[in-house]
Each structure stands twice: as structure tokens, then as C-alpha cells.
Amino acid sequence: MKPATDPKQDFLVIERVTKEFEASDKDGKSIRVIDGVSLSLKAGEFAVFLGPSGCGKTTLMRMAGGLDHPTSGEVRLAGEVVTGPDRRKGMVFQAYSSFPWLTVLGNIRFGLKYRHDVDAAEKDRIARHYLKMVGLEDFADFFTNRISGGMRQRVAIARTLAAGPDILLMDEPFGALDAQTREFLQVQLLEIARAEGKTVIFVTHDVEEAVFLADRIFMFSARPATIIEEIDVTRTLGARRVLETKQQQDFFRLRNHVLDLMRVQARKTEEIFRPEAVGE
């Protein structure tokens, strides 16, 4: 189910985007969280937004999904200006967003509720296809409050994919999971993204996760966010990743480079929020 989009063309374009939030009091100044960011992605590319907490990377992802709007600049998906959410833009968040009154299969079927391009029989086939893809066939009839957090996150991914999105937007989806489950889902996500030809934006502040998953990493500065470096991970590690990739010297070198960038921006973030000392 690869998107019918020319891979040579820019699929997602973020052009000179700035975002400001108004202060809560009438006399307060607005707060700029994103400052003139521009980037573009090809169809099928896996991009990671990496940066310190509070830098604006999630806000930019939300604007790509139409959940928020730029103060200036614009976001275009497949040539159309993004004005709001729709099923072309699938989102997976850190919280386990499943419906406990539905079974695992029922949750995945729910992703097809607003698809009017397929009939009931095809919806069932699609739901079972993604149920199998995330390895939960044996749990199809389980209610989601009876399965683990990692399984519930797999349900959320399957439900989102069943809706047929052109782009998958993921906001720290594995952040609440234990290390072993997190690694398993990282590998599974890469396999799914490649098999489905999905364009992915993945937000994280975990350096090792970013290096393992990304075709390209966009490294964000402390607030207001700008892109301080664009890192072509595929050029260094290749397109295919397995857990053993994390043991390669090239992986260590790239991880350490990105970690150094992250530490600098984290220190700048601490300075932004540091209370002023008396007398300064």
C-alpha cells in the first residue's frame, strides 16, 4: 500500500514556519516557540525530530498534522496547504489511546470507521491485515485493558495504519515502555514503515532511539526552535537496521555526535528556565 506519490518530489514541506503563543495575562508578551523553520520530506522517508524538552518539536509535528496552526509560514502535504486534521494524517501519542470497551480487533476496526472508500468485508480484511502485521492475532478477542502497555501501543499503531494515512506522526510513542519492549517496537515500526512505504515523523528526546530509527534527524535548538543540524543517518548506517546495528562503531560515533549536540541544547534550555539570581 505504498502512496501513489512521486518519491523524487517533496511530499511534506514546512516553509518558514513560526509559532507564537499569547501570554495568559493581558500585559504579557507572546512567547515564540518556533522561529522560521523550513524542511521537506520525500514520500516514504522516516524523519526524527530530536531536541531538548520544551523546544517546540512536538508543536511543529502537531502543525504538520493540522492540530495546530503556524503564526506565519505554511505546511503543505502532497502540494496542499494543511489546514486541519484528516485521515491522511495518522497520529500516535505516548498515552495508550485504546478503547477498553472494545476488543483488540474492535479497536483496529475503529480506525476504519470514517473510511467510505471500502465496504464492510474489505474493512474486516484490512483490520485483520494490520492485526497480523503487529503480531496480535492471538489477542484479537481480548479487551485492551487485559493486555500490556506495549501491546496497547501496537493496537494504536495498527488502528492508525488501518485508517489509510499518507503520513504517520508519532509523539514519543515508546516513551512510557520498558527498555526491552521499546527495542522490540522500534524494530517492528521500522519493518512496518518500510513494508507500507509510509512517511513518518517521529518525535523523541532519546538520542539512541533517534539514531536507530531515522533516515534523517532534524536536531532542534533550545526554544525558540530552529534546526541547528540535519543529519543523514542512512548515509552512515544504511537503510536496513537491526538490533545489532546498535553495536556497530559507526552507530556509536554518530550517537556520540548527536549526544554532544543534545547536551549543548539541553544546557541552553536550563538557562532559559533558570530563575534569575538576586542582584543579576
Protein backbone atom coordinates (compact mmCIF):
# COMPACT_ATOMS: atom_id res chain seq x y z
CA MET A 1 0.00 0.00 0.00
CA LYS A 2 2.66 2.49 -0.98
CA PRO A 3 1.44 6.05 -1.59
CA ALA A 4 0.97 6.99 -5.24
CA THR A 5 3.36 9.91 -4.90
CA ASP A 6 6.50 10.61 -6.91
CA PRO A 7 9.33 9.81 -4.46
CA LYS A 8 11.51 12.41 -6.16
CA GLN A 9 9.09 15.17 -5.19
CA ASP A 10 8.85 16.79 -1.77
CA PHE A 11 5.88 15.18 -0.05
CA LEU A 12 5.78 17.27 3.13
CA VAL A 13 7.01 20.86 3.05
CA ILE A 14 7.34 23.06 6.12
CA GLU A 15 8.19 26.54 4.90
CA ARG A 16 9.41 29.38 7.14
CA VAL A 17 7.10 28.34 9.97
CA THR A 18 6.98 30.47 13.09
CA LYS A 19 4.75 29.82 16.08
CA GLU A 20 3.97 32.17 18.94
CA PHE A 21 1.71 31.61 21.94
CA GLU A 22 -0.01 34.51 23.64
CA ALA A 23 0.76 35.05 27.33
CA SER A 24 -2.08 34.38 29.78
CA ASP A 25 -2.18 37.93 31.16
CA LYS A 26 -3.19 40.94 29.08
CA ASP A 27 0.11 42.75 29.51
CA GLY A 28 2.31 39.73 28.89
CA LYS A 29 4.37 39.31 25.75
CA SER A 30 3.78 36.45 23.35
CA ILE A 31 6.20 33.52 23.56
CA ARG A 32 7.90 32.39 20.37
CA VAL A 33 8.42 28.62 20.39
CA ILE A 34 9.36 28.05 16.72
CA ASP A 35 11.40 30.52 14.72
CA GLY A 36 11.29 30.33 10.93
CA VAL A 37 11.76 26.57 10.49
CA SER A 38 11.90 25.13 6.97
CA LEU A 39 12.30 21.48 5.97
CA SER A 40 10.97 18.98 3.44
CA LEU A 41 10.49 15.22 3.35
CA LYS A 42 10.25 12.78 0.47
CA ALA A 43 7.48 10.19 0.35
CA GLY A 44 8.42 7.14 2.41
CA GLU A 45 11.07 8.95 4.44
CA PHE A 46 11.44 8.36 8.19
CA ALA A 47 12.30 11.68 9.87
CA VAL A 48 13.04 12.14 13.57
CA PHE A 49 12.59 15.46 15.35
CA LEU A 50 15.12 15.50 18.16
CA GLY A 51 15.68 18.18 20.76
CA PRO A 52 15.53 19.06 24.45
CA SER A 53 12.25 19.03 26.33
CA GLY A 54 10.07 22.07 25.61
CA CYS A 55 11.95 23.11 22.48
CA GLY A 56 8.90 23.06 20.16
CA LYS A 57 9.42 19.81 18.23
CA THR A 58 6.01 18.43 19.22
CA THR A 59 4.36 21.73 18.31
CA LEU A 60 5.87 21.51 14.83
CA MET A 61 4.67 17.92 14.46
CA ARG A 62 1.16 18.99 15.53
CA MET A 63 1.18 21.66 12.83
CA ALA A 64 2.16 19.02 10.27
CA GLY A 65 -0.90 17.10 11.43
CA GLY A 66 -3.23 20.10 11.33
CA LEU A 67 -3.83 20.07 15.10
CA ASP A 68 -2.21 23.48 15.42
CA HIS A 69 -1.55 26.34 13.01
CA PRO A 70 1.53 28.46 12.27
CA THR A 71 1.63 32.10 13.28
CA SER A 72 3.41 32.62 9.97
CA GLY A 73 4.63 30.35 7.19
CA GLU A 74 2.82 27.27 5.95
CA VAL A 75 2.80 23.47 5.91
CA ARG A 76 1.99 21.59 2.68
CA LEU A 77 1.24 17.89 2.34
CA ALA A 78 1.28 16.46 -1.19
CA GLY A 79 1.06 20.01 -2.51
CA GLU A 80 -1.95 21.05 -0.40
CA VAL A 81 -1.78 23.52 2.48
CA VAL A 82 -2.52 21.77 5.77
CA THR A 83 -5.49 23.48 7.42
CA GLY A 84 -6.72 20.81 9.84
CA PRO A 85 -6.61 17.13 10.77
CA ASP A 86 -7.97 14.43 8.47
CA ARG A 87 -7.42 10.73 7.94
CA ARG A 88 -4.47 11.37 5.62
CA LYS A 89 -2.53 12.29 8.74
CA GLY A 90 -2.37 9.46 11.29
CA MET A 91 -1.20 10.21 14.83
CA VAL A 92 0.15 8.02 17.61
CA PHE A 93 0.90 9.53 21.02
CA GLN A 94 2.71 8.40 24.16
CA ALA A 95 -0.54 7.72 26.04
CA TYR A 96 -2.12 4.37 25.27
CA SER A 97 -5.13 5.58 23.29
CA SER A 98 -7.25 2.45 23.13
CA PHE A 99 -10.93 1.93 23.90
CA PRO A 100 -11.26 -0.50 26.83
CA TRP A 101 -14.84 -1.47 25.91
CA LEU A 102 -13.62 -2.78 22.53
CA THR A 103 -11.52 -5.84 21.79
CA VAL A 104 -8.11 -5.59 20.15
CA LEU A 105 -9.66 -6.29 16.75
CA GLY A 106 -12.53 -3.91 17.52
CA ASN A 107 -10.05 -1.14 18.29
CA ILE A 108 -8.29 -1.68 14.97
CA ARG A 109 -11.61 -1.77 13.11
CA PHE A 110 -12.46 1.58 14.72
CA GLY A 111 -9.67 3.13 12.65
CA LEU A 112 -11.76 2.32 9.57
CA LYS A 113 -14.94 3.95 10.87
CA TYR A 114 -14.66 7.00 8.63
CA ARG A 115 -13.34 5.22 5.55
CA HIS A 116 -16.08 5.32 2.93
CA ASP A 117 -13.87 4.03 0.13
CA VAL A 118 -14.18 0.38 1.20
CA ASP A 119 -17.09 -1.91 2.07
CA ALA A 120 -17.59 -3.87 5.30
CA ALA A 121 -15.86 -7.01 4.04
CA GLU A 122 -12.80 -5.02 2.94
CA LYS A 123 -12.72 -3.19 6.28
CA ASP A 124 -12.58 -6.53 8.06
CA ARG A 125 -9.78 -7.71 5.76
CA ILE A 126 -7.78 -4.51 6.37
CA ALA A 127 -8.26 -4.72 10.14
CA ARG A 128 -7.05 -8.33 10.20
CA HIS A 129 -4.12 -7.44 7.94
CA TYR A 130 -2.84 -4.89 10.45
CA LEU A 131 -3.69 -7.14 13.39
CA LYS A 132 -1.32 -9.70 11.87
CA MET A 133 1.28 -7.09 10.97
CA VAL A 134 1.63 -6.00 14.62
CA GLY A 135 1.70 -9.61 15.81
CA LEU A 136 -1.52 -9.64 17.84
CA GLU A 137 -3.58 -12.30 16.05
CA ASP A 138 -3.72 -14.46 19.20
CA PHE A 139 -5.15 -11.49 21.15
CA ALA A 140 -7.84 -10.42 18.66
CA ASP A 141 -10.71 -11.08 21.10
CA PHE A 142 -9.00 -9.69 24.22
CA PHE A 143 -10.21 -6.39 25.66
CA THR A 144 -7.40 -3.86 25.71
CA ASN A 145 -7.47 -3.44 29.50
CA ARG A 146 -6.29 -7.06 29.69
CA ILE A 147 -3.11 -6.66 27.62
CA SER A 148 0.24 -4.98 28.30
CA GLY A 149 1.18 -1.38 27.57
CA GLY A 150 3.40 -2.44 24.69
CA MET A 151 0.54 -4.41 23.16
CA ARG A 152 -1.81 -1.46 23.54
CA GLN A 153 0.68 0.72 21.71
CA ARG A 154 0.80 -1.85 18.91
CA VAL A 155 -3.01 -1.68 18.78
CA ALA A 156 -2.79 2.13 18.45
CA ILE A 157 -0.29 1.83 15.59
CA ALA A 158 -2.43 -0.78 13.81
CA ARG A 159 -5.60 1.30 14.25
CA THR A 160 -3.86 4.37 12.85
CA LEU A 161 -2.49 2.46 9.84
CA ALA A 162 -5.92 0.93 9.15
CA ALA A 163 -7.29 4.42 8.57
CA GLY A 164 -5.04 4.64 5.50
CA PRO A 165 -2.95 7.74 6.33
CA ASP A 166 -0.38 9.14 3.94
CA ILE A 167 1.87 10.24 6.81
CA LEU A 168 2.36 8.83 10.30
CA LEU A 169 3.01 11.36 13.09
CA MET A 170 4.34 9.86 16.32
CA ASP A 171 4.94 11.81 19.52
CA GLU A 172 7.26 9.80 21.82
CA PRO A 173 5.07 6.70 21.37
CA PHE A 174 7.50 4.40 23.19
CA GLY A 175 8.47 6.78 25.99
CA ALA A 176 6.50 5.01 28.73
CA LEU A 177 7.64 1.49 27.85
CA ASP A 178 10.35 -0.65 29.42
CA ALA A 179 13.65 -0.94 27.53
CA GLN A 180 13.05 -4.44 26.11
CA THR A 181 9.55 -3.65 24.82
CA ARG A 182 10.78 -0.35 23.45
CA GLU A 183 13.52 -2.03 21.40
CA PHE A 184 11.07 -4.63 20.08
CA LEU A 185 8.63 -1.94 18.94
CA GLN A 186 11.39 0.14 17.36
CA VAL A 187 12.33 -2.79 15.13
CA GLN A 188 8.69 -3.56 14.38
CA LEU A 189 7.97 0.06 13.48
CA LEU A 190 10.85 0.14 11.01
CA GLU A 191 9.59 -3.07 9.38
CA ILE A 192 6.04 -1.69 9.12
CA ALA A 193 7.16 1.70 7.78
CA ARG A 194 9.26 0.05 5.07
CA ALA A 195 6.59 -2.50 4.14
CA GLU A 196 3.87 0.15 3.92
CA GLY A 197 6.02 2.87 2.35
CA LYS A 198 4.82 5.34 4.97
CA THR A 199 6.26 8.77 5.52
CA VAL A 200 6.95 9.12 9.25
CA ILE A 201 7.68 12.00 11.61
CA PHE A 202 8.81 10.64 14.96
CA VAL A 203 9.34 12.99 17.90
CA THR A 204 11.71 11.96 20.68
CA HIS A 205 14.35 13.28 23.05
CA ASP A 206 16.08 9.88 23.19
CA VAL A 207 19.31 10.07 21.17
CA GLU A 208 19.84 6.33 20.68
CA GLU A 209 16.24 5.88 19.53
CA ALA A 210 16.62 8.74 17.06
CA VAL A 211 19.81 7.35 15.52
CA PHE A 212 18.38 3.84 15.26
CA LEU A 213 15.11 4.84 13.59
CA ALA A 214 15.82 7.83 11.38
CA ASP A 215 16.62 8.24 7.73
CA ARG A 216 17.27 11.84 8.72
CA ILE A 217 17.43 13.53 12.12
CA PHE A 218 16.41 17.17 12.42
CA MET A 219 18.20 18.48 15.50
CA PHE A 220 16.29 21.33 17.16
CA SER A 221 17.75 24.12 19.24
CA ALA A 222 16.51 25.24 22.61
CA ARG A 223 13.44 27.45 22.42
CA PRO A 224 12.62 29.18 20.15
CA ALA A 225 13.25 26.17 17.94
CA THR A 226 15.42 26.36 14.88
CA ILE A 227 17.07 23.45 13.09
CA ILE A 228 20.74 23.51 14.06
CA GLU A 229 21.73 20.41 12.11
CA GLU A 230 20.21 17.96 9.63
CA ILE A 231 21.84 14.55 9.94
CA ASP A 232 21.67 11.97 7.15
CA VAL A 233 21.70 8.76 9.18
CA THR A 234 21.14 6.46 6.18
CA ARG A 235 24.36 7.68 4.62
CA THR A 236 26.27 6.38 7.67
CA LEU A 237 24.27 3.32 8.76
CA GLY A 238 22.43 2.28 5.61
CA ALA A 239 18.68 1.90 5.26
CA ARG A 240 18.27 -1.51 6.94
CA ARG A 241 18.50 -1.53 10.75
CA VAL A 242 18.51 -4.47 13.15
CA LEU A 243 19.25 -4.52 16.86
CA GLU A 244 22.85 -5.47 16.09
CA THR A 245 23.18 -2.09 14.34
CA LYS A 246 23.40 -0.56 17.81
CA GLN A 247 26.68 -2.42 18.38
CA GLN A 248 28.45 -1.01 15.32
CA GLN A 249 31.23 1.54 15.66
CA ASP A 250 29.53 3.84 13.14
CA PHE A 251 26.43 3.80 15.35
CA PHE A 252 28.48 4.72 18.44
CA ARG A 253 30.24 7.57 16.64
CA LEU A 254 27.03 9.01 15.26
CA ARG A 255 25.22 8.60 18.58
CA ASN A 256 28.02 10.43 20.40
CA HIS A 257 27.98 13.27 17.88
CA VAL A 258 24.22 13.71 18.27
CA LEU A 259 24.50 13.36 22.05
CA ASP A 260 27.02 16.22 22.13
CA LEU A 261 24.60 18.41 20.19
CA MET A 262 21.79 17.44 22.52
CA ARG A 263 23.79 18.25 25.66
CA VAL A 264 24.59 21.74 24.40
CA GLN A 265 20.92 22.47 23.69
CA ALA A 266 19.82 20.94 26.99
CA ARG A 267 22.15 23.32 28.84
CA LYS A 268 20.70 26.25 26.92
CA THR A 269 17.21 25.07 27.87
CA GLU A 270 18.22 25.00 31.53
CA GLU A 271 19.43 28.60 31.21
CA ILE A 272 16.09 29.66 29.73
CA PHE A 273 14.21 28.31 32.74
CA ARG A 274 16.81 29.17 35.41
CA PRO A 275 15.45 31.66 37.94
CA GLU A 276 17.45 34.87 37.90
CA ALA A 277 19.84 35.18 40.81
CA VAL A 278 19.28 38.07 43.19
CA GLY A 279 21.25 41.12 42.09
CA GLU A 280 21.74 39.98 38.48
